[in-house]
Amino acid sequence: MIPEEEMERTFAIIKPDAVERKVTGKVLEMIEAAGFDIVGMKKIRLSKAQVEGFYYVHKERPFFGDLCAFMSRGPVIVLALEKENAIAAWRTLMGATNPANADEGTIRKSLGVSIEENTVHGSDSPESASFEIPYFFNQLELV
C-alpha cells in the first residue's frame, strides 16, 4: 500500500460530447481499471461564465470562444482522482489531444471523436490541479 503522503491528486472532466454519447461509464471503467481512486465526482452543467473562468489561461488563444461554447453546451462529469503520480498517469491514460494521434488503449483513441470533441480533460501540472480541483470541489466533497 502506498503511504497517503505519496499519493497525488489530479482533476478530470468527462466532456459534453462523451456525456451526450453516453460513454461516461466506459470512461469511469478505464479510470478505475488504471488504478485511480475517484475521490470526488459530480455531474454539473457549466455556465459560459464558469467555463471562461476555468479556462482563463487560454483567453488569448483563437480557440477560446469555441472551447467555451462547447464546454457549456451540456452536462459534464467533474472528477478528482488520486493515485501515485496521478497527473502523469492521467495524462497518459487520456492520450494525445487529437484522437487520431493517440496511442491504442487510451481514452481519446478509444472514445474521442475529434481534436475538439476528445472526451476528457485533465490537469497538466501540479499547479493546474491545485487550481482546478478546488474550482469544482470543496474539502467536504473530497473523500
C-alpha atoms as a PDB file:
ATOM      1  CA  MET A   1       0.000   0.000   0.000  1.00  0.00           C
ATOM      2  CA  ILE A   2       1.247   3.465  -0.919  1.00  0.00           C
ATOM      3  CA  PRO A   3       1.543   5.885   2.021  1.00  0.00           C
ATOM      4  CA  GLU A   4      -1.067   8.653   1.780  1.00  0.00           C
ATOM      5  CA  GLU A   5       1.597  11.378   1.622  1.00  0.00           C
ATOM      6  CA  GLU A   6       2.950   9.854  -1.626  1.00  0.00           C
ATOM      7  CA  MET A   7      -0.449   9.922  -3.318  1.00  0.00           C
ATOM      8  CA  GLU A   8      -1.152  12.711  -5.780  1.00  0.00           C
ATOM      9  CA  ARG A   9      -4.439  14.198  -6.884  1.00  0.00           C
ATOM     10  CA  THR A  10      -5.408  15.357 -10.325  1.00  0.00           C
ATOM     11  CA  PHE A  11      -8.525  16.796 -11.900  1.00  0.00           C
ATOM     12  CA  ALA A  12     -10.519  15.378 -14.799  1.00  0.00           C
ATOM     13  CA  ILE A  13     -13.601  16.296 -16.781  1.00  0.00           C
ATOM     14  CA  ILE A  14     -15.703  13.950 -18.860  1.00  0.00           C
ATOM     15  CA  LYS A  15     -16.690  16.466 -21.524  1.00  0.00           C
ATOM     16  CA  PRO A  16     -20.149  17.200 -23.010  1.00  0.00           C
ATOM     17  CA  ASP A  17     -19.519  15.104 -26.120  1.00  0.00           C
ATOM     18  CA  ALA A  18     -18.913  11.983 -24.022  1.00  0.00           C
ATOM     19  CA  VAL A  19     -21.927  12.640 -21.776  1.00  0.00           C
ATOM     20  CA  GLU A  20     -24.107  13.140 -24.881  1.00  0.00           C
ATOM     21  CA  ARG A  21     -22.858   9.859 -26.400  1.00  0.00           C
ATOM     22  CA  LYS A  22     -23.444   8.054 -23.065  1.00  0.00           C
ATOM     23  CA  VAL A  23     -19.866   6.775 -22.736  1.00  0.00           C
ATOM     24  CA  THR A  24     -19.252   8.089 -19.209  1.00  0.00           C
ATOM     25  CA  GLY A  25     -19.460   4.565 -17.801  1.00  0.00           C
ATOM     26  CA  LYS A  26     -16.734   3.412 -20.192  1.00  0.00           C
ATOM     27  CA  VAL A  27     -14.512   6.337 -19.152  1.00  0.00           C
ATOM     28  CA  LEU A  28     -15.065   5.595 -15.459  1.00  0.00           C
ATOM     29  CA  GLU A  29     -14.312   1.913 -16.059  1.00  0.00           C
ATOM     30  CA  MET A  30     -10.992   2.839 -17.720  1.00  0.00           C
ATOM     31  CA  ILE A  31     -10.148   5.188 -14.832  1.00  0.00           C
ATOM     32  CA  GLU A  32     -10.745   2.510 -12.216  1.00  0.00           C
ATOM     33  CA  ALA A  33      -9.011  -0.202 -14.268  1.00  0.00           C
ATOM     34  CA  ALA A  34      -5.919   2.058 -14.366  1.00  0.00           C
ATOM     35  CA  GLY A  35      -5.829   2.075 -10.556  1.00  0.00           C
ATOM     36  CA  PHE A  36      -7.179   5.549  -9.857  1.00  0.00           C
ATOM     37  CA  ASP A  37      -9.263   6.201  -6.768  1.00  0.00           C
ATOM     38  CA  ILE A  38     -12.170   8.540  -7.522  1.00  0.00           C
ATOM     39  CA  VAL A  39     -12.134  10.895  -4.517  1.00  0.00           C
ATOM     40  CA  GLY A  40     -14.684  13.370  -5.905  1.00  0.00           C
ATOM     41  CA  MET A  41     -17.287  13.177  -8.654  1.00  0.00           C
ATOM     42  CA  LYS A  42     -20.359  15.114  -9.720  1.00  0.00           C
ATOM     43  CA  LYS A  43     -22.409  15.843 -12.810  1.00  0.00           C
ATOM     44  CA  ILE A  44     -22.898  19.533 -13.460  1.00  0.00           C
ATOM     45  CA  ARG A  45     -23.819  21.929 -16.238  1.00  0.00           C
ATOM     46  CA  LEU A  46     -21.381  24.813 -16.546  1.00  0.00           C
ATOM     47  CA  SER A  47     -22.445  28.315 -17.486  1.00  0.00           C
ATOM     48  CA  LYS A  48     -20.402  30.099 -20.120  1.00  0.00           C
ATOM     49  CA  ALA A  49     -19.014  32.387 -17.381  1.00  0.00           C
ATOM     50  CA  GLN A  50     -17.897  29.373 -15.306  1.00  0.00           C
ATOM     51  CA  VAL A  51     -16.162  27.865 -18.338  1.00  0.00           C
ATOM     52  CA  GLU A  52     -14.474  31.190 -19.124  1.00  0.00           C
ATOM     53  CA  GLY A  53     -13.180  31.369 -15.551  1.00  0.00           C
ATOM     54  CA  PHE A  54     -11.958  27.791 -15.628  1.00  0.00           C
ATOM     55  CA  TYR A  55     -10.140  28.143 -18.972  1.00  0.00           C
ATOM     56  CA  TYR A  56      -8.932  31.716 -18.330  1.00  0.00           C
ATOM     57  CA  VAL A  57      -5.332  30.703 -19.152  1.00  0.00           C
ATOM     58  CA  HIS A  58      -6.456  30.234 -22.777  1.00  0.00           C
ATOM     59  CA  LYS A  59      -8.398  33.515 -23.100  1.00  0.00           C
ATOM     60  CA  GLU A  60      -5.988  34.950 -25.683  1.00  0.00           C
ATOM     61  CA  ARG A  61      -5.975  31.789 -27.824  1.00  0.00           C
ATOM     62  CA  PRO A  62      -8.011  31.718 -31.051  1.00  0.00           C
ATOM     63  CA  PHE A  63      -9.964  28.622 -29.947  1.00  0.00           C
ATOM     64  CA  PHE A  64     -11.141  30.147 -26.627  1.00  0.00           C
ATOM     65  CA  GLY A  65     -14.653  31.106 -27.802  1.00  0.00           C
ATOM     66  CA  ASP A  66     -15.330  27.745 -29.414  1.00  0.00           C
ATOM     67  CA  LEU A  67     -13.954  25.916 -26.358  1.00  0.00           C
ATOM     68  CA  CYS A  68     -16.222  27.862 -24.007  1.00  0.00           C
ATOM     69  CA  ALA A  69     -19.279  27.285 -26.210  1.00  0.00           C
ATOM     70  CA  PHE A  70     -18.516  23.550 -26.399  1.00  0.00           C
ATOM     71  CA  MET A  71     -17.889  23.073 -22.677  1.00  0.00           C
ATOM     72  CA  SER A  72     -21.117  24.898 -21.747  1.00  0.00           C
ATOM     73  CA  ARG A  73     -23.372  23.156 -24.278  1.00  0.00           C
ATOM     74  CA  GLY A  74     -24.320  20.275 -21.990  1.00  0.00           C
ATOM     75  CA  PRO A  75     -23.597  18.465 -18.731  1.00  0.00           C
ATOM     76  CA  VAL A  76     -20.107  17.303 -17.767  1.00  0.00           C
ATOM     77  CA  ILE A  77     -18.773  14.962 -15.094  1.00  0.00           C
ATOM     78  CA  VAL A  78     -16.044  16.527 -12.952  1.00  0.00           C
ATOM     79  CA  LEU A  79     -13.677  14.239 -11.073  1.00  0.00           C
ATOM     80  CA  ALA A  80     -10.901  14.410  -8.536  1.00  0.00           C
ATOM     81  CA  LEU A  81      -8.639  11.395  -8.973  1.00  0.00           C
ATOM     82  CA  GLU A  82      -5.948  10.042  -6.685  1.00  0.00           C
ATOM     83  CA  LYS A  83      -3.042   7.732  -7.403  1.00  0.00           C
ATOM     84  CA  GLU A  84       0.724   7.731  -7.154  1.00  0.00           C
ATOM     85  CA  ASN A  85       1.940  10.110  -9.906  1.00  0.00           C
ATOM     86  CA  ALA A  86      -1.710  10.812 -10.739  1.00  0.00           C
ATOM     87  CA  ILE A  87      -1.117  13.790 -13.039  1.00  0.00           C
ATOM     88  CA  ALA A  88       1.290  11.976 -15.355  1.00  0.00           C
ATOM     89  CA  ALA A  89      -0.713   8.738 -15.173  1.00  0.00           C
ATOM     90  CA  TRP A  90      -3.943  10.557 -16.099  1.00  0.00           C
ATOM     91  CA  ARG A  91      -2.256  12.382 -18.992  1.00  0.00           C
ATOM     92  CA  THR A  92      -1.022   9.013 -20.292  1.00  0.00           C
ATOM     93  CA  LEU A  93      -4.445   7.371 -19.928  1.00  0.00           C
ATOM     94  CA  MET A  94      -6.153  10.300 -21.698  1.00  0.00           C
ATOM     95  CA  GLY A  95      -3.865  10.100 -24.743  1.00  0.00           C
ATOM     96  CA  ALA A  96      -2.952  12.790 -27.245  1.00  0.00           C
ATOM     97  CA  THR A  97      -5.358  15.731 -27.689  1.00  0.00           C
ATOM     98  CA  ASN A  98      -6.123  14.594 -31.233  1.00  0.00           C
ATOM     99  CA  PRO A  99      -7.661  11.098 -31.009  1.00  0.00           C
ATOM    100  CA  ALA A 100      -6.122  10.249 -34.400  1.00  0.00           C
ATOM    101  CA  ASN A 101      -2.657  10.654 -32.824  1.00  0.00           C
ATOM    102  CA  ALA A 102      -3.468   8.981 -29.506  1.00  0.00           C
ATOM    103  CA  ASP A 103      -1.973   5.630 -28.516  1.00  0.00           C
ATOM    104  CA  GLU A 104      -4.083   2.483 -28.579  1.00  0.00           C
ATOM    105  CA  GLY A 105      -5.757   1.805 -25.255  1.00  0.00           C
ATOM    106  CA  THR A 106      -6.111   5.485 -24.312  1.00  0.00           C
ATOM    107  CA  ILE A 107      -9.455   7.129 -23.626  1.00  0.00           C
ATOM    108  CA  ARG A 108      -9.170   9.538 -26.532  1.00  0.00           C
ATOM    109  CA  LYS A 109      -8.156   6.816 -29.019  1.00  0.00           C
ATOM    110  CA  SER A 110     -10.998   4.587 -27.857  1.00  0.00           C
ATOM    111  CA  LEU A 111     -13.740   7.175 -27.366  1.00  0.00           C
ATOM    112  CA  GLY A 112     -12.658  10.533 -28.806  1.00  0.00           C
ATOM    113  CA  VAL A 113     -14.393  11.909 -31.891  1.00  0.00           C
ATOM    114  CA  SER A 114     -12.135  14.794 -32.944  1.00  0.00           C
ATOM    115  CA  ILE A 115      -9.481  17.178 -31.652  1.00  0.00           C
ATOM    116  CA  GLU A 116     -12.309  19.359 -30.300  1.00  0.00           C
ATOM    117  CA  GLU A 117     -14.588  16.572 -29.038  1.00  0.00           C
ATOM    118  CA  ASN A 118     -11.957  14.421 -27.391  1.00  0.00           C
ATOM    119  CA  THR A 119     -13.993  13.083 -24.438  1.00  0.00           C
ATOM    120  CA  VAL A 120     -11.844  14.175 -21.454  1.00  0.00           C
ATOM    121  CA  HIS A 121      -9.837  16.987 -19.889  1.00  0.00           C
ATOM    122  CA  GLY A 122      -7.078  16.650 -17.338  1.00  0.00           C
ATOM    123  CA  SER A 123      -4.727  18.770 -15.279  1.00  0.00           C
ATOM    124  CA  ASP A 124      -1.328  19.178 -16.929  1.00  0.00           C
ATOM    125  CA  SER A 125       0.706  20.076 -13.822  1.00  0.00           C
ATOM    126  CA  PRO A 126       0.536  20.200 -10.019  1.00  0.00           C
ATOM    127  CA  GLU A 127      -0.176  23.935 -10.318  1.00  0.00           C
ATOM    128  CA  SER A 128      -3.174  23.433 -12.606  1.00  0.00           C
ATOM    129  CA  ALA A 129      -4.504  20.587 -10.411  1.00  0.00           C
ATOM    130  CA  SER A 130      -4.263  22.852  -7.357  1.00  0.00           C
ATOM    131  CA  PHE A 131      -6.433  25.419  -9.197  1.00  0.00           C
ATOM    132  CA  GLU A 132      -8.819  23.016 -10.940  1.00  0.00           C
ATOM    133  CA  ILE A 133      -9.805  20.704  -8.060  1.00  0.00           C
ATOM    134  CA  PRO A 134     -10.998  23.486  -5.717  1.00  0.00           C
ATOM    135  CA  TYR A 135     -12.681  25.262  -8.655  1.00  0.00           C
ATOM    136  CA  PHE A 136     -15.244  22.451  -8.570  1.00  0.00           C
ATOM    137  CA  PHE A 137     -14.941  20.745  -5.169  1.00  0.00           C
ATOM    138  CA  ASN A 138     -14.845  21.932  -1.584  1.00  0.00           C
ATOM    139  CA  GLN A 139     -12.996  19.889   1.058  1.00  0.00           C
ATOM    140  CA  LEU A 140     -16.213  18.244   2.284  1.00  0.00           C
ATOM    141  CA  GLU A 141     -16.819  16.809  -1.195  1.00  0.00           C
ATOM    142  CA  LEU A 142     -13.463  15.024  -1.386  1.00  0.00           C
ATOM    143  CA  VAL A 143     -13.054  11.660   0.316  1.00  0.00           C
END
